[in-house]
Structure formats: C-alpha cells, structure tokens
C-alpha cells in the first residue's frame, strides 16, 4: 500500500512483521536472515528484530542460521477458520462431484481483490502452481472469481476494475476493463463462468456461484481441467450439469445452516 494512501491508524511495524511471516512459503520453508531482509525489502537489523521477536513468541524456530515457521502460526488463522463452516459443509459435496467427473474441485471465497481456496478435493496436479487451502489468485482472471464478482453491484464492479492490475498472464488473458465488464455481465446472465487458459496455458475452468438462504453469493465452486482433454463444448455438456447440481445441494444445506455460517471475508465486510 503506498504510504500516501495509509490511514492515520496504520501501524507500519505490524505490516512489516506480517511481511516477515509471509516471506516463508512452500518454495521457501527455510530462510536465512539475509534472505528474509531481501524478500521483505528491509535492513538486516530490522529483519533480525522481527525474527527474534517471532522466535520469542514461538512462531519461528532457528538452528542459528536458518529460520523456519513453527506450527504455532496456524493459531493466526484459527479464529477465522473455526467460525467459517462453509468448507466443512461443502466438502462432502465436492467429494461426490469429484467422484462423478474424475476432476478436481474447489470452493473459493472472495477476499479483497483475490479469491482464496477454502476447500479442495484434488484428483491430480494440473497447474504449475500447487493449489492448497489458502492459495490466492487475482479474482478477475479465475472462473470462481468471475462468478462472485459478476453478482456484485455494478458500481462495485466498476470500482474493482478501475483499481485492478489487468496484466496478461497468458496470451488469452482479458486485459481490457471494458471487455472484462462485458464478460462479467454475461456471466451474471448465464449463471456460470468458463475461463479458457487465461490464468495458465492449458487450463480451462468452469465455476458456479454458491448462494446463502438470503440469495447472496458467498462463494463459488469450480472444476479445472486440461484444455487438451476437454473442449469448451465438453466442459459445458459433461461437467457443467454436475457442477450446478452440486452447488444446488450445497445451497440446500445452507438454507438450513443460515447465511451467518456461510459468510466469506468479503461478504462480512459488506454487511
């Protein structure tokens, strides 16, 4: 966030501490002090203070040279996950869907300008990036993101598109705000989205929105497939009916549990 855009209450040191935690990922589970400083764009002295603080709190372990996160960092997300029961509700339905279509399926919610995977039943690895619960992608370039964005008020869609970084991830990525707005309106009308090799070459994905009992779109379910194995016609003919049936079953359960148990991070902020 640019310094000029920060509110008076913004705590810069807290932001930098979180940046140190986020420096560790699946590709970099262990880092030296110098690597943390370089990744977080801070001095070695600052990185050392943050790492030693995290060490004292039990969130980091070190052998004297390499640092790594400890399982205690899971506490940071526990409060959210413990009250967010939609993944638990949806997972049996995703498992049934995957058994039917023999393709992976995930449940995602909107968080800021990203979609976040909150439940996933895989069959095989079809993308370069490993997809796990917690994985994030820009919402506008994914099928799950588009079905959620499509059901936002028009003025909010315009505001999001105005600030979105519409850069080409592949040769097929939509990079025009006008074209993307037209696509979102089409998705809204038809009730589902298919993204054809815009996030990654060779990847097609179809998604449908999940509504709570008040009719608010709180999440989306997708089925990603190899483009070489599944044409656009076969995605619509062979996968979409199963996807829509699965979403209907999830929504039927949500009518019993209620909207509060299904709230996504973004829907909570809008209420």
C-alpha atoms as a PDB file:
ATOM      1  CA  UNK A   1       0.000   0.000   0.000  1.00  0.00           C
ATOM      2  CA  UNK A   2       1.509   3.389  -0.936  1.00  0.00           C
ATOM      3  CA  UNK A   3       2.479   5.471   2.100  1.00  0.00           C
ATOM      4  CA  UNK A   4       0.240   8.347   0.972  1.00  0.00           C
ATOM      5  CA  UNK A   5      -2.799   6.038   0.930  1.00  0.00           C
ATOM      6  CA  UNK A   6      -2.355   4.794   4.510  1.00  0.00           C
ATOM      7  CA  UNK A   7      -4.839   5.884   7.147  1.00  0.00           C
ATOM      8  CA  UNK A   8      -3.577   7.656  10.295  1.00  0.00           C
ATOM      9  CA  UNK A   9      -4.163   4.493  12.327  1.00  0.00           C
ATOM     10  CA  UNK A  10      -1.904   2.384  10.061  1.00  0.00           C
ATOM     11  CA  UNK A  11       0.833   0.591  12.048  1.00  0.00           C
ATOM     12  CA  UNK A  12       3.809   0.206   9.756  1.00  0.00           C
ATOM     13  CA  UNK A  13       5.758  -2.077  12.101  1.00  0.00           C
ATOM     14  CA  UNK A  14       2.835  -4.514  12.273  1.00  0.00           C
ATOM     15  CA  UNK A  15       2.688  -4.607   8.473  1.00  0.00           C
ATOM     16  CA  UNK A  16       6.410  -5.377   8.338  1.00  0.00           C
ATOM     17  CA  UNK A  17       6.079  -8.137  10.926  1.00  0.00           C
ATOM     18  CA  UNK A  18       3.377  -9.815   8.870  1.00  0.00           C
ATOM     19  CA  UNK A  19       5.589  -9.457   5.793  1.00  0.00           C
ATOM     20  CA  UNK A  20       8.293 -11.468   7.571  1.00  0.00           C
ATOM     21  CA  UNK A  21       5.827 -14.280   8.252  1.00  0.00           C
ATOM     22  CA  UNK A  22       4.623 -14.239   4.627  1.00  0.00           C
ATOM     23  CA  UNK A  23       8.210 -14.462   3.381  1.00  0.00           C
ATOM     24  CA  UNK A  24       8.096 -18.184   4.207  1.00  0.00           C
ATOM     25  CA  UNK A  25       6.126 -20.345   1.765  1.00  0.00           C
ATOM     26  CA  UNK A  26       6.087 -23.816   0.210  1.00  0.00           C
ATOM     27  CA  UNK A  27       9.051 -22.967  -2.014  1.00  0.00           C
ATOM     28  CA  UNK A  28      10.988 -21.266   0.793  1.00  0.00           C
ATOM     29  CA  UNK A  29      10.194 -23.094   4.065  1.00  0.00           C
ATOM     30  CA  UNK A  30      13.593 -22.088   5.478  1.00  0.00           C
ATOM     31  CA  UNK A  31      15.306 -18.729   5.050  1.00  0.00           C
ATOM     32  CA  UNK A  32      18.426 -17.027   6.312  1.00  0.00           C
ATOM     33  CA  UNK A  33      18.350 -13.611   7.919  1.00  0.00           C
ATOM     34  CA  UNK A  34      19.709 -12.062   4.712  1.00  0.00           C
ATOM     35  CA  UNK A  35      17.053 -13.774   2.592  1.00  0.00           C
ATOM     36  CA  UNK A  36      14.254 -12.523   4.844  1.00  0.00           C
ATOM     37  CA  UNK A  37      15.656  -8.987   4.708  1.00  0.00           C
ATOM     38  CA  UNK A  38      15.910  -9.109   0.913  1.00  0.00           C
ATOM     39  CA  UNK A  39      12.432 -10.629   0.434  1.00  0.00           C
ATOM     40  CA  UNK A  40      10.809  -8.075   2.733  1.00  0.00           C
ATOM     41  CA  UNK A  41      12.878  -5.142   1.459  1.00  0.00           C
ATOM     42  CA  UNK A  42      14.190  -4.217   4.896  1.00  0.00           C
ATOM     43  CA  UNK A  43      17.576  -3.940   6.557  1.00  0.00           C
ATOM     44  CA  UNK A  44      19.239  -6.954   8.178  1.00  0.00           C
ATOM     45  CA  UNK A  45      18.930  -5.240  11.540  1.00  0.00           C
ATOM     46  CA  UNK A  46      15.173  -4.783  11.139  1.00  0.00           C
ATOM     47  CA  UNK A  47      14.693  -8.342   9.855  1.00  0.00           C
ATOM     48  CA  UNK A  48      16.695  -9.652  12.817  1.00  0.00           C
ATOM     49  CA  UNK A  49      14.466  -7.812  15.321  1.00  0.00           C
ATOM     50  CA  UNK A  50      11.291  -9.176  13.753  1.00  0.00           C
ATOM     51  CA  UNK A  51      12.649 -12.722  13.536  1.00  0.00           C
ATOM     52  CA  UNK A  52      13.874 -12.722  17.135  1.00  0.00           C
ATOM     53  CA  UNK A  53      10.502 -11.387  18.299  1.00  0.00           C
ATOM     54  CA  UNK A  54       8.723 -14.180  16.414  1.00  0.00           C
ATOM     55  CA  UNK A  55      11.228 -16.622  17.917  1.00  0.00           C
ATOM     56  CA  UNK A  56      10.432 -15.402  21.441  1.00  0.00           C
ATOM     57  CA  UNK A  57       6.700 -15.780  20.706  1.00  0.00           C
ATOM     58  CA  UNK A  58       7.133 -19.304  19.384  1.00  0.00           C
ATOM     59  CA  UNK A  59       6.161 -18.606  15.781  1.00  0.00           C
ATOM     60  CA  UNK A  60       9.676 -19.161  14.396  1.00  0.00           C
ATOM     61  CA  UNK A  61      12.418 -21.726  15.022  1.00  0.00           C
ATOM     62  CA  UNK A  62      16.092 -21.371  14.150  1.00  0.00           C
ATOM     63  CA  UNK A  63      19.169 -23.578  14.155  1.00  0.00           C
ATOM     64  CA  UNK A  64      21.333 -20.494  14.442  1.00  0.00           C
ATOM     65  CA  UNK A  65      21.447 -19.795  10.719  1.00  0.00           C
ATOM     66  CA  UNK A  66      18.224 -20.905   9.049  1.00  0.00           C
ATOM     67  CA  UNK A  67      14.800 -19.767  10.224  1.00  0.00           C
ATOM     68  CA  UNK A  68      11.507 -21.561   9.671  1.00  0.00           C
ATOM     69  CA  UNK A  69       7.922 -21.141  10.853  1.00  0.00           C
ATOM     70  CA  UNK A  70       6.527 -23.377  13.568  1.00  0.00           C
ATOM     71  CA  UNK A  71       3.038 -24.942  13.639  1.00  0.00           C
ATOM     72  CA  UNK A  72       2.042 -22.202  16.067  1.00  0.00           C
ATOM     73  CA  UNK A  73       1.440 -19.833  13.122  1.00  0.00           C
ATOM     74  CA  UNK A  74      -1.728 -21.854  12.466  1.00  0.00           C
ATOM     75  CA  UNK A  75      -3.194 -20.106  15.503  1.00  0.00           C
ATOM     76  CA  UNK A  76      -3.273 -16.868  13.484  1.00  0.00           C
ATOM     77  CA  UNK A  77      -5.915 -18.275  11.156  1.00  0.00           C
ATOM     78  CA  UNK A  78      -7.760 -20.463  13.623  1.00  0.00           C
ATOM     79  CA  UNK A  79     -10.267 -17.853  14.759  1.00  0.00           C
ATOM     80  CA  UNK A  80     -11.428 -17.331  11.176  1.00  0.00           C
ATOM     81  CA  UNK A  81     -11.459 -20.997  10.212  1.00  0.00           C
ATOM     82  CA  UNK A  82     -13.184 -22.147  13.399  1.00  0.00           C
ATOM     83  CA  UNK A  83     -16.188 -19.926  12.673  1.00  0.00           C
ATOM     84  CA  UNK A  84     -16.224 -20.489   8.933  1.00  0.00           C
ATOM     85  CA  UNK A  85     -18.156 -23.717   8.492  1.00  0.00           C
ATOM     86  CA  UNK A  86     -18.951 -23.499   4.794  1.00  0.00           C
ATOM     87  CA  UNK A  87     -15.868 -25.573   3.821  1.00  0.00           C
ATOM     88  CA  UNK A  88     -16.943 -28.370   6.177  1.00  0.00           C
ATOM     89  CA  UNK A  89     -20.447 -28.238   4.767  1.00  0.00           C
ATOM     90  CA  UNK A  90     -19.301 -28.223   1.149  1.00  0.00           C
ATOM     91  CA  UNK A  91     -16.536 -30.821   1.282  1.00  0.00           C
ATOM     92  CA  UNK A  92     -18.741 -33.950   1.134  1.00  0.00           C
ATOM     93  CA  UNK A  93     -20.484 -32.485  -1.910  1.00  0.00           C
ATOM     94  CA  UNK A  94     -17.137 -31.716  -3.546  1.00  0.00           C
ATOM     95  CA  UNK A  95     -16.028 -35.291  -2.922  1.00  0.00           C
ATOM     96  CA  UNK A  96     -19.181 -36.584  -4.616  1.00  0.00           C
ATOM     97  CA  UNK A  97     -18.627 -34.239  -7.559  1.00  0.00           C
ATOM     98  CA  UNK A  98     -15.006 -35.324  -7.981  1.00  0.00           C
ATOM     99  CA  UNK A  99     -16.062 -38.977  -7.925  1.00  0.00           C
ATOM    100  CA  UNK A 100     -18.582 -38.250 -10.685  1.00  0.00           C
ATOM    101  CA  UNK A 101     -16.424 -36.214 -13.062  1.00  0.00           C
ATOM    102  CA  UNK A 102     -12.956 -37.525 -12.106  1.00  0.00           C
ATOM    103  CA  UNK A 103     -11.598 -33.995 -11.986  1.00  0.00           C
ATOM    104  CA  UNK A 104     -10.528 -31.820  -9.058  1.00  0.00           C
ATOM    105  CA  UNK A 105     -12.925 -29.340  -7.494  1.00  0.00           C
ATOM    106  CA  UNK A 106     -12.545 -26.449  -5.069  1.00  0.00           C
ATOM    107  CA  UNK A 107     -14.621 -23.998  -3.063  1.00  0.00           C
ATOM    108  CA  UNK A 108     -13.384 -20.396  -3.070  1.00  0.00           C
ATOM    109  CA  UNK A 109     -14.409 -17.117  -1.461  1.00  0.00           C
ATOM    110  CA  UNK A 110     -13.624 -13.503  -2.276  1.00  0.00           C
ATOM    111  CA  UNK A 111     -11.133 -11.673  -0.053  1.00  0.00           C
ATOM    112  CA  UNK A 112     -10.308  -8.175  -1.236  1.00  0.00           C
ATOM    113  CA  UNK A 113      -9.342  -8.419  -4.895  1.00  0.00           C
ATOM    114  CA  UNK A 114      -8.343 -12.087  -4.618  1.00  0.00           C
ATOM    115  CA  UNK A 115     -10.116 -15.391  -4.430  1.00  0.00           C
ATOM    116  CA  UNK A 116      -8.994 -17.742  -1.669  1.00  0.00           C
ATOM    117  CA  UNK A 117      -9.305 -21.522  -1.746  1.00  0.00           C
ATOM    118  CA  UNK A 118     -11.108 -22.647   1.433  1.00  0.00           C
ATOM    119  CA  UNK A 119     -11.855 -26.270   0.481  1.00  0.00           C
ATOM    120  CA  UNK A 120     -10.365 -28.540  -2.154  1.00  0.00           C
ATOM    121  CA  UNK A 121     -10.725 -32.138  -3.300  1.00  0.00           C
ATOM    122  CA  UNK A 122      -7.934 -32.923  -5.796  1.00  0.00           C
ATOM    123  CA  UNK A 123      -7.508 -35.746  -8.259  1.00  0.00           C
ATOM    124  CA  UNK A 124      -4.273 -34.733  -9.931  1.00  0.00           C
ATOM    125  CA  UNK A 125      -1.950 -31.783 -10.258  1.00  0.00           C
ATOM    126  CA  UNK A 126      -2.908 -29.907 -13.423  1.00  0.00           C
ATOM    127  CA  UNK A 127      -1.371 -26.490 -12.796  1.00  0.00           C
ATOM    128  CA  UNK A 128       2.213 -25.347 -12.445  1.00  0.00           C
ATOM    129  CA  UNK A 129       1.376 -23.869  -9.041  1.00  0.00           C
ATOM    130  CA  UNK A 130       0.374 -26.273  -6.283  1.00  0.00           C
ATOM    131  CA  UNK A 131      -3.168 -25.480  -5.178  1.00  0.00           C
ATOM    132  CA  UNK A 132      -3.944 -25.899  -1.489  1.00  0.00           C
ATOM    133  CA  UNK A 133      -6.373 -24.409   1.010  1.00  0.00           C
ATOM    134  CA  UNK A 134      -5.280 -20.809   1.422  1.00  0.00           C
ATOM    135  CA  UNK A 135      -3.987 -20.377  -2.143  1.00  0.00           C
ATOM    136  CA  UNK A 136      -4.885 -16.997  -3.623  1.00  0.00           C
ATOM    137  CA  UNK A 137      -5.273 -15.730  -7.194  1.00  0.00           C
ATOM    138  CA  UNK A 138      -6.497 -12.419  -8.644  1.00  0.00           C
ATOM    139  CA  UNK A 139     -10.268 -12.780  -8.743  1.00  0.00           C
ATOM    140  CA  UNK A 140     -10.799 -11.253 -12.190  1.00  0.00           C
ATOM    141  CA  UNK A 141      -8.745 -13.905 -14.001  1.00  0.00           C
ATOM    142  CA  UNK A 142     -10.362 -17.006 -12.444  1.00  0.00           C
ATOM    143  CA  UNK A 143     -13.710 -18.667 -13.064  1.00  0.00           C
ATOM    144  CA  UNK A 144     -14.588 -18.668  -9.355  1.00  0.00           C
ATOM    145  CA  UNK A 145     -13.629 -15.032  -9.053  1.00  0.00           C
ATOM    146  CA  UNK A 146     -15.704 -14.004 -12.028  1.00  0.00           C
ATOM    147  CA  UNK A 147     -18.912 -15.660 -10.851  1.00  0.00           C
ATOM    148  CA  UNK A 148     -18.569 -13.906  -7.493  1.00  0.00           C
ATOM    149  CA  UNK A 149     -17.600 -10.542  -8.991  1.00  0.00           C
ATOM    150  CA  UNK A 150     -20.430 -10.791 -11.526  1.00  0.00           C
ATOM    151  CA  UNK A 151     -23.008 -10.710  -8.746  1.00  0.00           C
ATOM    152  CA  UNK A 152     -21.675  -7.599  -7.046  1.00  0.00           C
ATOM    153  CA  UNK A 153     -23.465  -4.259  -7.579  1.00  0.00           C
ATOM    154  CA  UNK A 154     -22.455  -2.562 -10.839  1.00  0.00           C
ATOM    155  CA  UNK A 155     -20.798   0.341  -9.042  1.00  0.00           C
ATOM    156  CA  UNK A 156     -18.624  -2.036  -7.021  1.00  0.00           C
ATOM    157  CA  UNK A 157     -17.639  -3.936 -10.161  1.00  0.00           C
ATOM    158  CA  UNK A 158     -16.594  -0.658 -11.783  1.00  0.00           C
ATOM    159  CA  UNK A 159     -14.549   0.330  -8.725  1.00  0.00           C
ATOM    160  CA  UNK A 160     -12.780  -3.027  -8.645  1.00  0.00           C
ATOM    161  CA  UNK A 161     -11.995  -2.952 -12.350  1.00  0.00           C
ATOM    162  CA  UNK A 162     -10.660   0.592 -12.040  1.00  0.00           C
ATOM    163  CA  UNK A 163      -8.055  -0.491  -9.493  1.00  0.00           C
ATOM    164  CA  UNK A 164      -7.325  -3.983 -10.862  1.00  0.00           C
ATOM    165  CA  UNK A 165      -3.941  -4.718 -12.391  1.00  0.00           C
ATOM    166  CA  UNK A 166      -5.096  -6.252 -15.676  1.00  0.00           C
ATOM    167  CA  UNK A 167      -1.802  -7.728 -16.798  1.00  0.00           C
ATOM    168  CA  UNK A 168      -1.572 -10.632 -19.266  1.00  0.00           C
ATOM    169  CA  UNK A 169      -0.798 -13.917 -17.527  1.00  0.00           C
ATOM    170  CA  UNK A 170      -1.184 -15.716 -20.872  1.00  0.00           C
ATOM    171  CA  UNK A 171      -1.862 -14.603 -24.431  1.00  0.00           C
ATOM    172  CA  UNK A 172      -5.583 -15.155 -23.753  1.00  0.00           C
ATOM    173  CA  UNK A 173      -5.931 -13.071 -20.585  1.00  0.00           C
ATOM    174  CA  UNK A 174      -8.517 -10.295 -20.813  1.00  0.00           C
ATOM    175  CA  UNK A 175      -6.648  -7.057 -20.109  1.00  0.00           C
ATOM    176  CA  UNK A 176      -9.315  -4.520 -21.071  1.00  0.00           C
ATOM    177  CA  UNK A 177     -11.579  -3.278 -18.273  1.00  0.00           C
ATOM    178  CA  UNK A 178     -14.386  -2.759 -20.781  1.00  0.00           C
ATOM    179  CA  UNK A 179     -14.090  -6.314 -22.122  1.00  0.00           C
ATOM    180  CA  UNK A 180     -13.892  -7.749 -18.625  1.00  0.00           C
ATOM    181  CA  UNK A 181     -17.004  -5.832 -17.533  1.00  0.00           C
ATOM    182  CA  UNK A 182     -18.864  -7.230 -20.552  1.00  0.00           C
ATOM    183  CA  UNK A 183     -17.722 -10.736 -19.638  1.00  0.00           C
ATOM    184  CA  UNK A 184     -18.877 -10.320 -16.031  1.00  0.00           C
ATOM    185  CA  UNK A 185     -22.307  -9.185 -17.181  1.00  0.00           C
ATOM    186  CA  UNK A 186     -22.502 -12.231 -19.462  1.00  0.00           C
ATOM    187  CA  UNK A 187     -21.538 -14.481 -16.540  1.00  0.00           C
ATOM    188  CA  UNK A 188     -24.249 -12.857 -14.434  1.00  0.00           C
ATOM    189  CA  UNK A 189     -26.873 -13.595 -17.089  1.00  0.00           C
ATOM    190  CA  UNK A 190     -25.883 -17.212 -17.733  1.00  0.00           C
ATOM    191  CA  UNK A 191     -25.192 -18.167 -14.117  1.00  0.00           C
ATOM    192  CA  UNK A 192     -21.737 -19.683 -14.555  1.00  0.00           C
ATOM    193  CA  UNK A 193     -18.267 -18.782 -15.832  1.00  0.00           C
ATOM    194  CA  UNK A 194     -15.752 -20.577 -18.019  1.00  0.00           C
ATOM    195  CA  UNK A 195     -12.220 -19.210 -18.146  1.00  0.00           C
ATOM    196  CA  UNK A 196     -10.223 -20.573 -21.064  1.00  0.00           C
ATOM    197  CA  UNK A 197      -6.448 -20.541 -20.493  1.00  0.00           C
ATOM    198  CA  UNK A 198      -6.335 -17.019 -19.073  1.00  0.00           C
ATOM    199  CA  UNK A 199      -4.713 -17.909 -15.751  1.00  0.00           C
ATOM    200  CA  UNK A 200      -2.394 -20.580 -17.162  1.00  0.00           C
ATOM    201  CA  UNK A 201      -1.837 -22.045 -20.608  1.00  0.00           C
ATOM    202  CA  UNK A 202      -3.583 -25.391 -20.975  1.00  0.00           C
ATOM    203  CA  UNK A 203      -6.012 -24.777 -18.098  1.00  0.00           C
ATOM    204  CA  UNK A 204      -9.756 -24.398 -18.503  1.00  0.00           C
ATOM    205  CA  UNK A 205     -12.040 -23.923 -15.540  1.00  0.00           C
ATOM    206  CA  UNK A 206     -15.797 -23.744 -15.061  1.00  0.00           C
ATOM    207  CA  UNK A 207     -17.371 -22.296 -11.913  1.00  0.00           C
ATOM    208  CA  UNK A 208     -20.812 -21.596 -10.465  1.00  0.00           C
ATOM    209  CA  UNK A 209     -21.805 -19.304  -7.585  1.00  0.00           C
ATOM    210  CA  UNK A 210     -22.990 -20.524  -4.193  1.00  0.00           C
ATOM    211  CA  UNK A 211     -25.802 -18.513  -2.586  1.00  0.00           C
ATOM    212  CA  UNK A 212     -26.882 -18.486   1.039  1.00  0.00           C
ATOM    213  CA  UNK A 213     -30.538 -18.643   2.060  1.00  0.00           C
ATOM    214  CA  UNK A 214     -30.843 -14.866   1.579  1.00  0.00           C
ATOM    215  CA  UNK A 215     -29.749 -15.235  -2.051  1.00  0.00           C
ATOM    216  CA  UNK A 216     -26.350 -13.584  -1.516  1.00  0.00           C
ATOM    217  CA  UNK A 217     -23.417 -15.098  -3.405  1.00  0.00           C
ATOM    218  CA  UNK A 218     -20.970 -16.132  -0.685  1.00  0.00           C
ATOM    219  CA  UNK A 219     -18.635 -18.490  -2.565  1.00  0.00           C
ATOM    220  CA  UNK A 220     -18.099 -20.396  -5.792  1.00  0.00           C
ATOM    221  CA  UNK A 221     -17.251 -23.956  -6.798  1.00  0.00           C
ATOM    222  CA  UNK A 222     -15.052 -24.792  -9.761  1.00  0.00           C
ATOM    223  CA  UNK A 223     -13.837 -27.697 -11.860  1.00  0.00           C
ATOM    224  CA  UNK A 224     -10.448 -27.098 -13.552  1.00  0.00           C
ATOM    225  CA  UNK A 225      -9.462 -29.318 -16.489  1.00  0.00           C
ATOM    226  CA  UNK A 226      -6.744 -29.811 -19.104  1.00  0.00           C
ATOM    227  CA  UNK A 227      -7.601 -27.937 -22.290  1.00  0.00           C
ATOM    228  CA  UNK A 228      -6.067 -30.773 -24.307  1.00  0.00           C
ATOM    229  CA  UNK A 229      -8.506 -33.226 -22.755  1.00  0.00           C
ATOM    230  CA  UNK A 230     -11.654 -31.124 -22.549  1.00  0.00           C
ATOM    231  CA  UNK A 231     -13.079 -28.867 -25.242  1.00  0.00           C
ATOM    232  CA  UNK A 232     -15.269 -25.911 -24.358  1.00  0.00           C
ATOM    233  CA  UNK A 233     -18.277 -27.897 -25.572  1.00  0.00           C
ATOM    234  CA  UNK A 234     -17.426 -30.885 -23.392  1.00  0.00           C
ATOM    235  CA  UNK A 235     -16.981 -28.632 -20.367  1.00  0.00           C
ATOM    236  CA  UNK A 236     -20.498 -27.289 -20.863  1.00  0.00           C
ATOM    237  CA  UNK A 237     -22.003 -30.661 -21.779  1.00  0.00           C
ATOM    238  CA  UNK A 238     -20.237 -33.056 -19.416  1.00  0.00           C
ATOM    239  CA  UNK A 239     -19.116 -31.004 -16.428  1.00  0.00           C
ATOM    240  CA  UNK A 240     -21.449 -28.035 -16.005  1.00  0.00           C
ATOM    241  CA  UNK A 241     -24.600 -30.069 -15.180  1.00  0.00           C
ATOM    242  CA  UNK A 242     -22.772 -31.939 -12.406  1.00  0.00           C
ATOM    243  CA  UNK A 243     -21.334 -28.672 -11.106  1.00  0.00           C
ATOM    244  CA  UNK A 244     -24.726 -26.954 -10.982  1.00  0.00           C
ATOM    245  CA  UNK A 245     -26.264 -29.972  -9.233  1.00  0.00           C
ATOM    246  CA  UNK A 246     -23.501 -29.909  -6.627  1.00  0.00           C
ATOM    247  CA  UNK A 247     -23.988 -26.202  -5.994  1.00  0.00           C
ATOM    248  CA  UNK A 248     -27.722 -26.782  -5.589  1.00  0.00           C
ATOM    249  CA  UNK A 249     -27.028 -29.392  -2.896  1.00  0.00           C
ATOM    250  CA  UNK A 250     -24.665 -27.047  -1.062  1.00  0.00           C
ATOM    251  CA  UNK A 251     -27.252 -24.264  -1.216  1.00  0.00           C
ATOM    252  CA  UNK A 252     -29.917 -26.625   0.143  1.00  0.00           C
ATOM    253  CA  UNK A 253     -27.706 -27.244   3.163  1.00  0.00           C
ATOM    254  CA  UNK A 254     -27.105 -23.516   3.565  1.00  0.00           C
ATOM    255  CA  UNK A 255     -30.846 -22.949   3.811  1.00  0.00           C
ATOM    256  CA  UNK A 256     -30.699 -24.990   6.991  1.00  0.00           C
ATOM    257  CA  UNK A 257     -27.484 -23.561   8.466  1.00  0.00           C
ATOM    258  CA  UNK A 258     -28.178 -19.931   7.547  1.00  0.00           C
ATOM    259  CA  UNK A 259     -26.117 -17.156   5.970  1.00  0.00           C
ATOM    260  CA  UNK A 260     -24.002 -16.356   9.011  1.00  0.00           C
ATOM    261  CA  UNK A 261     -22.354 -19.771   8.869  1.00  0.00           C
ATOM    262  CA  UNK A 262     -21.536 -19.279   5.197  1.00  0.00           C
ATOM    263  CA  UNK A 263     -20.159 -15.764   5.285  1.00  0.00           C
ATOM    264  CA  UNK A 264     -16.989 -15.104   3.291  1.00  0.00           C
ATOM    265  CA  UNK A 265     -14.446 -12.427   4.311  1.00  0.00           C
ATOM    266  CA  UNK A 266     -15.776 -10.012   1.716  1.00  0.00           C
ATOM    267  CA  UNK A 267     -19.460 -10.638   2.418  1.00  0.00           C
ATOM    268  CA  UNK A 268     -18.820  -9.991   6.117  1.00  0.00           C
ATOM    269  CA  UNK A 269     -17.291  -6.617   5.255  1.00  0.00           C
ATOM    270  CA  UNK A 270     -20.276  -5.674   3.078  1.00  0.00           C
ATOM    271  CA  UNK A 271     -22.849  -6.437   5.753  1.00  0.00           C
END
